[in-house]
Protein backbone atom coordinates (compact mmCIF):
# COMPACT_ATOMS: atom_id res chain seq x y z
CA MET A 1 170.73 -195.35 67.18
CA PRO A 2 169.21 -199.06 68.00
CA ALA A 3 165.41 -199.78 67.40
CA TRP A 4 165.14 -200.22 71.22
CA ASP A 5 166.62 -197.26 72.26
CA VAL A 6 163.14 -195.85 71.46
CA ARG A 7 161.80 -197.83 74.97
CA ARG A 8 163.29 -195.49 76.78
CA PHE A 9 161.15 -192.54 76.06
CA GLU A 10 157.83 -195.22 76.53
CA GLY A 11 155.40 -194.20 78.90
CA GLY A 12 154.29 -190.96 77.82
CA VAL A 13 155.73 -188.12 76.01
CA ARG A 14 159.49 -187.71 76.61
CA THR A 15 161.87 -184.87 75.00
CA LEU A 16 164.28 -186.28 72.57
CA HIS A 17 167.36 -184.93 72.10
CA LEU A 18 170.13 -184.87 70.29
CA GLY A 19 172.85 -188.06 71.42
CA CYS A 20 169.28 -190.22 70.93
CA VAL A 21 167.40 -189.21 68.44
CA GLU A 22 167.86 -186.26 65.96
CA LEU A 23 163.73 -185.54 65.02
CA TRP A 24 163.85 -181.65 64.03
CA ASP A 25 161.08 -180.00 62.72
CA ALA A 26 161.65 -176.40 61.58
CA GLY A 27 164.41 -175.86 63.92
CA GLU A 28 162.83 -177.07 67.07
CA LEU A 29 162.99 -180.16 69.11
CA LEU A 30 159.82 -182.32 68.48
CA LYS A 31 157.75 -184.07 71.25
CA VAL A 32 156.95 -188.00 70.53
CA PRO A 33 154.23 -189.66 72.08
CA MET A 34 155.65 -192.89 73.01
CA ASN A 35 153.46 -195.84 73.70
CA ALA A 36 152.72 -199.42 72.40
CA GLU A 37 149.47 -198.08 71.85
CA THR A 38 149.83 -195.20 70.61
CA SER A 39 153.03 -195.24 68.94
CA PRO A 40 154.26 -195.71 64.85
CA LEU A 41 156.68 -197.76 66.62
CA ALA A 42 154.58 -200.21 68.34
CA ALA A 43 155.70 -203.00 65.37
CA VAL A 44 159.93 -202.14 67.22
CA TRP A 45 158.15 -203.38 70.48
CA ALA A 46 156.15 -206.63 68.86
CA ASP A 47 158.98 -208.55 69.50
CA MET A 48 161.17 -206.60 72.81
CA LYS A 49 159.01 -208.81 75.59
CA PRO A 50 161.88 -208.65 77.92
CA SER A 51 161.43 -212.46 78.59
CA LEU A 52 162.21 -213.48 75.13
CA ARG A 53 165.67 -210.95 75.51
CA PHE A 54 166.96 -212.18 79.09
CA GLU A 55 166.48 -216.30 77.55
CA SER A 56 169.08 -215.34 74.94
CA HIS A 57 171.43 -213.82 77.11
CA ARG A 58 171.79 -215.57 80.44
CA SER A 59 175.46 -216.31 79.88
CA GLN A 60 176.11 -212.84 79.43
CA ILE A 61 173.87 -211.24 82.31
CA ARG A 62 175.64 -213.50 84.64
CA GLU A 63 179.54 -211.83 83.24
CA LEU A 64 177.92 -208.58 83.85
CA VAL A 65 177.13 -209.33 87.09
CA ASP A 66 180.75 -210.87 88.16
CA LEU A 67 181.75 -207.62 86.34
CA PHE A 68 180.20 -205.53 88.41
CA HIS A 69 181.02 -206.86 92.15
CA LEU A 70 178.12 -208.46 92.43
CA THR A 71 176.93 -212.26 92.86
CA ASN A 72 173.85 -214.95 92.65
CA PRO A 73 172.07 -213.18 89.96
CA ARG A 74 168.26 -214.46 90.02
CA VAL A 75 164.95 -213.28 87.99
CA PHE A 76 161.48 -212.57 89.66
CA GLY A 77 158.70 -210.76 88.56
CA SER A 78 156.68 -210.83 85.14
CA VAL A 79 159.65 -212.51 83.31
CA LEU A 80 160.23 -215.33 85.89
CA TYR A 81 156.40 -216.06 85.48
CA GLY A 82 155.91 -215.47 81.84
CA SER A 83 153.04 -213.04 82.09
CA ASP A 84 155.46 -210.27 80.93
CA THR A 85 154.56 -207.69 77.88
CA GLU A 86 156.13 -205.57 75.96
CA LEU A 87 156.26 -203.01 78.48
CA SER A 88 157.40 -205.21 81.58
CA ASP A 89 161.10 -204.45 82.81
CA LEU A 90 163.31 -207.31 83.73
CA ASP A 91 163.43 -207.84 87.34
CA LEU A 92 166.83 -209.06 88.59
CA LEU A 93 167.62 -209.70 92.24
CA VAL A 94 171.55 -209.89 93.49
CA ASP A 95 173.96 -210.10 96.04
CA PRO A 96 176.29 -207.23 96.89
CA MET A 97 179.97 -208.56 98.09
CA PRO A 98 181.93 -206.03 100.30
CA GLU A 99 183.31 -204.21 97.50
CA THR A 100 180.12 -203.43 95.80
CA THR A 101 179.44 -199.74 95.45
CA LEU A 102 175.76 -198.20 94.09
CA PHE A 103 178.06 -197.02 91.54
CA ASP A 104 178.09 -200.95 90.52
CA LEU A 105 174.58 -201.74 91.16
CA GLY A 106 173.64 -198.57 88.54
CA GLY A 107 177.04 -199.31 86.10
CA LEU A 108 174.96 -203.22 85.94
CA GLN A 109 171.60 -201.89 84.98
CA GLY A 110 172.84 -199.30 82.51
CA LYS A 111 174.19 -202.24 80.60
CA LEU A 112 172.08 -204.51 80.84
CA GLU A 113 169.81 -202.31 79.21
CA ASP A 114 172.24 -201.30 76.98
CA LEU A 115 172.12 -205.70 76.09
CA LEU A 116 168.52 -206.23 76.18
CA GLY A 117 166.83 -203.63 75.04
CA VAL A 118 164.21 -203.40 77.91
CA ARG A 119 164.30 -201.69 81.53
CA VAL A 120 166.13 -203.90 84.14
CA ASP A 121 164.94 -203.28 87.76
CA ILE A 122 168.01 -204.49 89.99
CA ARG A 123 167.80 -205.18 93.14
CA THR A 124 169.38 -206.28 96.52
CA PRO A 125 167.43 -208.31 99.62
CA GLY A 126 168.36 -205.69 101.60
CA GLY A 127 166.69 -203.18 98.65
CA LEU A 128 163.51 -205.29 98.80
CA PRO A 129 160.79 -203.60 100.61
CA PRO A 130 159.72 -205.68 103.71
CA ARG A 131 156.40 -206.32 102.79
CA PHE A 132 156.78 -208.62 99.81
CA ARG A 133 160.69 -209.18 100.54
CA ALA A 134 160.30 -212.77 101.84
CA LEU A 135 158.37 -213.77 98.95
CA VAL A 136 160.68 -212.24 96.59
CA LEU A 137 163.42 -214.30 97.99
CA ALA A 138 161.69 -217.48 98.24
CA GLU A 139 160.23 -217.46 94.50
CA ALA A 140 163.31 -215.61 92.99
CA ARG A 141 165.22 -218.21 90.33
CA PRO A 142 169.01 -218.20 89.31
CA VAL A 143 169.79 -216.57 85.60
């Protein structure tokens, strides 16, 4: 399992299962606390700022966006402003094409999380909450 997969269990106690990590104690599946403050794996997260991953994978991100029938990928949120931490996610705004489905949005999210090793939040302009839609649309920057 790649080291970054542990991030999928951050933010509290999650049950680990076969296919993710084999952690067994006397035949019992362990529950392991996973967060940056208390985890012995905190050192693994030290280099996992989404902005670092984002900057080194821009072209692959654009290719994946095209593959999933989406256009105009833009970054917003903490990664855009450089205020992200190891526990931040990557916020991306994309425009759907007529043939785009929810499976495309979910597929893109999964592939990007696999590629980058950080959580990714994919939004379309219509999927942004009205209270901050205008702000995100004005400030988002191309990938």
